[in-house]
Amino acid sequence: MGPKDLNTLKWVAGGLEALLGIPILGGTIILSLAWAPLAIMLVLHIVIVVFASRNGVKASGNILGIVTSCIGWIPIVGMILHILSAIFILLDAAQNQKAMTY
C-alpha cells in the first residue's frame, strides 16, 4: 500500500470519526448498530497504524482513534474523543497530502 492509498484511508477514517462525533447522530449510529462501528473503527485504525509504520508516516491521530474506539462507549467522553480523533486524523492527512504535492 502506497502513501497515497494510506492518505486516502486517513481521510476516510477522519470523516467517519467526525460523523461519529456528531451529538445525537453519532450516538444513534453506534447504539443502533450495537457498538459495531466502534469495532470497525478499531480495526481500521490498527490497519492504518500498521501501514503507516511500514511507510514511515506518522499516525498519531489514528493511535488516538484506537483509544477512542476502546472507550468510545462512554456517552459524552466518546463524543469528545471522536471529535478530537477526527481533528488529529484529518490534520495528519492534510499534512501528508501537502507533503506529497511538493
N, C-alpha and C. Protein backbone atom coordinates (compact mmCIF):
# COMPACT_ATOMS: atom_id res chain seq x y z
N MET A 1 0.85 -1.17 0.00
CA MET A 1 0.00 0.00 0.00
C MET A 1 0.90 1.24 0.00
N GLY A 2 0.65 2.11 -0.96
CA GLY A 2 1.47 3.30 -1.10
C GLY A 2 1.00 4.45 -0.22
N PRO A 3 1.79 5.51 -0.18
CA PRO A 3 1.44 6.67 0.65
C PRO A 3 0.11 7.32 0.25
N LYS A 4 -0.21 7.33 -1.04
CA LYS A 4 -1.48 7.94 -1.46
C LYS A 4 -2.67 7.11 -0.97
N ASP A 5 -2.54 5.79 -1.05
CA ASP A 5 -3.60 4.92 -0.54
C ASP A 5 -3.77 5.09 0.96
N LEU A 6 -2.66 5.18 1.65
CA LEU A 6 -2.68 5.37 3.10
C LEU A 6 -3.34 6.71 3.44
N ASN A 7 -3.03 7.73 2.68
CA ASN A 7 -3.63 9.04 2.92
C ASN A 7 -5.14 9.01 2.67
N THR A 8 -5.55 8.26 1.66
CA THR A 8 -6.99 8.11 1.40
C THR A 8 -7.67 7.44 2.58
N LEU A 9 -7.05 6.40 3.12
CA LEU A 9 -7.60 5.73 4.30
C LEU A 9 -7.70 6.69 5.48
N LYS A 10 -6.72 7.57 5.63
CA LYS A 10 -6.77 8.55 6.72
C LYS A 10 -7.94 9.52 6.52
N TRP A 11 -8.16 9.97 5.30
CA TRP A 11 -9.30 10.87 5.04
C TRP A 11 -10.61 10.17 5.37
N VAL A 12 -10.73 8.90 4.99
CA VAL A 12 -11.96 8.14 5.27
C VAL A 12 -12.14 7.97 6.77
N ALA A 13 -11.07 7.57 7.46
CA ALA A 13 -11.15 7.37 8.92
C ALA A 13 -11.49 8.67 9.63
N GLY A 14 -10.88 9.77 9.20
CA GLY A 14 -11.18 11.07 9.80
C GLY A 14 -12.63 11.49 9.59
N GLY A 15 -13.13 11.24 8.40
CA GLY A 15 -14.53 11.56 8.11
C GLY A 15 -15.50 10.72 8.92
N LEU A 16 -15.20 9.44 9.06
CA LEU A 16 -16.05 8.56 9.87
C LEU A 16 -16.01 8.95 11.34
N GLU A 17 -14.83 9.31 11.84
CA GLU A 17 -14.73 9.76 13.23
C GLU A 17 -15.53 11.04 13.43
N ALA A 18 -15.47 11.94 12.46
CA ALA A 18 -16.25 13.18 12.56
C ALA A 18 -17.75 12.87 12.58
N LEU A 19 -18.18 11.93 11.75
CA LEU A 19 -19.58 11.53 11.74
C LEU A 19 -20.00 10.96 13.10
N LEU A 20 -19.17 10.11 13.67
CA LEU A 20 -19.50 9.51 14.97
C LEU A 20 -19.42 10.53 16.10
N GLY A 21 -18.75 11.65 15.89
CA GLY A 21 -18.64 12.68 16.90
C GLY A 21 -19.81 13.66 16.93
N ILE A 22 -20.69 13.58 15.94
CA ILE A 22 -21.85 14.48 15.91
C ILE A 22 -22.81 14.10 17.02
N PRO A 23 -23.14 15.06 17.90
CA PRO A 23 -24.05 14.73 19.01
C PRO A 23 -25.37 14.15 18.50
N ILE A 24 -25.89 13.24 19.21
CA ILE A 24 -27.13 12.51 18.96
C ILE A 24 -27.00 11.58 17.74
N LEU A 25 -26.58 12.11 16.58
CA LEU A 25 -26.45 11.27 15.39
C LEU A 25 -25.41 10.17 15.58
N GLY A 26 -24.23 10.55 16.04
CA GLY A 26 -23.17 9.56 16.25
C GLY A 26 -23.57 8.51 17.27
N GLY A 27 -24.17 8.96 18.36
CA GLY A 27 -24.63 8.02 19.38
C GLY A 27 -25.72 7.10 18.87
N THR A 28 -26.60 7.64 18.05
CA THR A 28 -27.68 6.83 17.47
C THR A 28 -27.10 5.76 16.54
N ILE A 29 -26.12 6.14 15.74
CA ILE A 29 -25.49 5.18 14.83
C ILE A 29 -24.83 4.07 15.63
N ILE A 30 -24.07 4.43 16.65
CA ILE A 30 -23.35 3.44 17.45
C ILE A 30 -24.32 2.52 18.19
N LEU A 31 -25.34 3.09 18.83
CA LEU A 31 -26.29 2.27 19.58
C LEU A 31 -27.16 1.41 18.67
N SER A 32 -27.61 1.95 17.54
CA SER A 32 -28.49 1.18 16.66
C SER A 32 -27.77 0.01 16.00
N LEU A 33 -26.46 0.10 15.88
CA LEU A 33 -25.68 -0.99 15.29
C LEU A 33 -24.95 -1.80 16.36
N ALA A 34 -25.41 -1.69 17.61
CA ALA A 34 -24.89 -2.49 18.73
C ALA A 34 -23.37 -2.35 18.90
N TRP A 35 -22.87 -1.16 18.84
CA TRP A 35 -21.47 -0.83 19.05
C TRP A 35 -20.53 -1.40 17.99
N ALA A 36 -21.07 -1.94 16.92
CA ALA A 36 -20.24 -2.47 15.83
C ALA A 36 -19.36 -1.39 15.18
N PRO A 37 -19.85 -0.13 15.04
CA PRO A 37 -18.98 0.90 14.46
C PRO A 37 -17.69 1.11 15.25
N LEU A 38 -17.74 0.93 16.57
CA LEU A 38 -16.52 1.08 17.37
C LEU A 38 -15.53 -0.02 17.03
N ALA A 39 -16.01 -1.24 16.85
CA ALA A 39 -15.13 -2.36 16.49
C ALA A 39 -14.56 -2.17 15.08
N ILE A 40 -15.40 -1.71 14.16
CA ILE A 40 -14.94 -1.49 12.79
C ILE A 40 -13.89 -0.39 12.75
N MET A 41 -14.13 0.68 13.49
CA MET A 41 -13.16 1.78 13.53
C MET A 41 -11.85 1.33 14.19
N LEU A 42 -11.95 0.48 15.21
CA LEU A 42 -10.74 -0.03 15.87
C LEU A 42 -9.88 -0.78 14.86
N VAL A 43 -10.49 -1.65 14.08
CA VAL A 43 -9.75 -2.41 13.06
C VAL A 43 -9.17 -1.47 12.01
N LEU A 44 -9.95 -0.50 11.56
CA LEU A 44 -9.47 0.46 10.56
C LEU A 44 -8.27 1.24 11.08
N HIS A 45 -8.34 1.70 12.33
CA HIS A 45 -7.21 2.46 12.89
C HIS A 45 -5.97 1.58 13.04
N ILE A 46 -6.15 0.34 13.44
CA ILE A 46 -5.00 -0.57 13.57
C ILE A 46 -4.35 -0.81 12.20
N VAL A 47 -5.16 -1.02 11.19
CA VAL A 47 -4.64 -1.22 9.82
C VAL A 47 -3.85 0.01 9.38
N ILE A 48 -4.39 1.19 9.63
CA ILE A 48 -3.70 2.42 9.23
C ILE A 48 -2.39 2.59 9.97
N VAL A 49 -2.37 2.30 11.27
CA VAL A 49 -1.14 2.42 12.05
C VAL A 49 -0.08 1.45 11.54
N VAL A 50 -0.48 0.22 11.21
CA VAL A 50 0.48 -0.77 10.69
C VAL A 50 1.06 -0.30 9.37
N PHE A 51 0.20 0.12 8.44
CA PHE A 51 0.70 0.58 7.14
C PHE A 51 1.51 1.87 7.26
N ALA A 52 1.12 2.74 8.18
CA ALA A 52 1.88 3.98 8.38
C ALA A 52 3.28 3.68 8.90
N SER A 53 3.38 2.73 9.81
CA SER A 53 4.71 2.40 10.34
C SER A 53 5.58 1.76 9.26
N ARG A 54 4.98 0.99 8.37
CA ARG A 54 5.74 0.39 7.26
C ARG A 54 6.21 1.43 6.25
N ASN A 55 5.44 2.52 6.11
CA ASN A 55 5.79 3.57 5.14
C ASN A 55 6.52 4.75 5.78
N GLY A 56 6.74 4.69 7.08
CA GLY A 56 7.43 5.78 7.76
C GLY A 56 6.60 7.05 7.88
N VAL A 57 5.28 6.89 7.94
CA VAL A 57 4.37 8.02 8.04
C VAL A 57 3.83 8.08 9.46
N LYS A 58 3.65 9.29 9.99
CA LYS A 58 3.12 9.39 11.35
C LYS A 58 1.63 9.09 11.37
N ALA A 59 1.19 8.48 12.46
CA ALA A 59 -0.22 8.10 12.59
C ALA A 59 -0.72 8.37 14.00
N SER A 60 -0.31 9.50 14.56
CA SER A 60 -0.70 9.81 15.94
C SER A 60 -2.21 9.96 16.09
N GLY A 61 -2.87 10.51 15.09
CA GLY A 61 -4.32 10.65 15.14
C GLY A 61 -5.01 9.30 15.18
N ASN A 62 -4.46 8.33 14.46
CA ASN A 62 -5.05 7.00 14.45
C ASN A 62 -4.78 6.25 15.75
N ILE A 63 -3.67 6.54 16.40
CA ILE A 63 -3.43 5.95 17.72
C ILE A 63 -4.47 6.48 18.70
N LEU A 64 -4.77 7.77 18.62
CA LEU A 64 -5.86 8.32 19.43
C LEU A 64 -7.18 7.68 19.04
N GLY A 65 -7.36 7.36 17.77
CA GLY A 65 -8.56 6.69 17.30
C GLY A 65 -8.71 5.30 17.90
N ILE A 66 -7.60 4.61 18.11
CA ILE A 66 -7.64 3.29 18.76
C ILE A 66 -8.15 3.44 20.19
N VAL A 67 -7.62 4.44 20.90
CA VAL A 67 -8.08 4.70 22.27
C VAL A 67 -9.56 5.07 22.26
N THR A 68 -9.95 5.89 21.31
CA THR A 68 -11.35 6.31 21.19
C THR A 68 -12.26 5.11 20.96
N SER A 69 -11.85 4.20 20.10
CA SER A 69 -12.67 3.03 19.82
C SER A 69 -12.81 2.13 21.05
N CYS A 70 -11.80 2.14 21.89
CA CYS A 70 -11.85 1.29 23.09
C CYS A 70 -12.72 1.88 24.19
N ILE A 71 -12.76 3.21 24.29
CA ILE A 71 -13.56 3.81 25.37
C ILE A 71 -14.67 4.71 24.84
N GLY A 72 -14.97 4.59 23.56
CA GLY A 72 -15.99 5.42 22.93
C GLY A 72 -17.41 5.09 23.34
N TRP A 73 -17.60 4.03 24.06
CA TRP A 73 -18.95 3.64 24.50
C TRP A 73 -19.45 4.51 25.64
N ILE A 74 -18.56 5.29 26.27
CA ILE A 74 -18.96 6.20 27.34
C ILE A 74 -19.55 7.44 26.68
N PRO A 75 -20.83 7.77 26.95
CA PRO A 75 -21.55 8.77 26.15
C PRO A 75 -20.83 10.09 25.86
N ILE A 76 -20.60 10.94 26.79
CA ILE A 76 -20.02 12.26 26.50
C ILE A 76 -18.53 12.15 26.16
N VAL A 77 -17.84 11.30 26.90
CA VAL A 77 -16.40 11.10 26.66
C VAL A 77 -16.17 10.59 25.25
N GLY A 78 -16.99 9.64 24.82
CA GLY A 78 -16.86 9.10 23.47
C GLY A 78 -17.05 10.16 22.39
N MET A 79 -18.04 11.00 22.56
CA MET A 79 -18.30 12.06 21.58
C MET A 79 -17.09 13.00 21.49
N ILE A 80 -16.57 13.41 22.63
CA ILE A 80 -15.41 14.32 22.64
C ILE A 80 -14.20 13.64 21.99
N LEU A 81 -13.97 12.38 22.33
CA LEU A 81 -12.83 11.67 21.75
C LEU A 81 -12.99 11.45 20.25
N HIS A 82 -14.20 11.19 19.78
CA HIS A 82 -14.42 11.06 18.34
C HIS A 82 -14.10 12.36 17.62
N ILE A 83 -14.51 13.47 18.20
CA ILE A 83 -14.24 14.77 17.59
C ILE A 83 -12.73 15.05 17.57
N LEU A 84 -12.06 14.80 18.69
CA LEU A 84 -10.61 15.01 18.74
C LEU A 84 -9.87 14.10 17.78
N SER A 85 -10.28 12.84 17.71
CA SER A 85 -9.66 11.90 16.78
C SER A 85 -9.82 12.39 15.34
N ALA A 86 -11.03 12.83 15.01
CA ALA A 86 -11.28 13.33 13.66
C ALA A 86 -10.36 14.50 13.33
N ILE A 87 -10.23 15.42 14.26
CA ILE A 87 -9.38 16.60 14.03
C ILE A 87 -7.93 16.18 13.78
N PHE A 88 -7.40 15.32 14.66
CA PHE A 88 -6.00 14.92 14.52
C PHE A 88 -5.76 14.07 13.28
N ILE A 89 -6.67 13.19 12.95
CA ILE A 89 -6.51 12.35 11.75
C ILE A 89 -6.59 13.21 10.49
N LEU A 90 -7.55 14.12 10.43
CA LEU A 90 -7.68 14.97 9.25
C LEU A 90 -6.49 15.92 9.10
N LEU A 91 -5.96 16.41 10.22
CA LEU A 91 -4.75 17.23 10.14
C LEU A 91 -3.57 16.42 9.62
N ASP A 92 -3.42 15.17 10.09
CA ASP A 92 -2.37 14.29 9.58
C ASP A 92 -2.52 14.09 8.08
N ALA A 93 -3.75 13.82 7.65
CA ALA A 93 -4.00 13.57 6.23
C ALA A 93 -3.69 14.82 5.39
N ALA A 94 -4.08 15.98 5.90
CA ALA A 94 -3.82 17.22 5.17
C ALA A 94 -2.32 17.50 5.07
N GLN A 95 -1.59 17.26 6.15
CA GLN A 95 -0.14 17.46 6.12
C GLN A 95 0.53 16.49 5.16
N ASN A 96 0.06 15.24 5.16
CA ASN A 96 0.63 14.25 4.24
C ASN A 96 0.33 14.62 2.79
N GLN A 97 -0.87 15.10 2.55
CA GLN A 97 -1.26 15.49 1.19
C GLN A 97 -0.40 16.66 0.72
N LYS A 98 -0.18 17.61 1.61
CA LYS A 98 0.65 18.77 1.25
C LYS A 98 2.07 18.33 0.96
N ALA A 99 2.59 17.39 1.75
CA ALA A 99 3.96 16.90 1.54
C ALA A 99 4.09 16.11 0.23
N MET A 100 3.02 15.43 -0.17
CA MET A 100 3.07 14.63 -1.40
C MET A 100 3.00 15.50 -2.64
N THR A 101 2.46 16.71 -2.53
CA THR A 101 2.34 17.56 -3.71
C THR A 101 3.64 18.27 -4.05
N TYR A 102 4.56 18.34 -3.11
CA TYR A 102 5.84 19.02 -3.37
C TYR A 102 6.89 18.09 -3.82
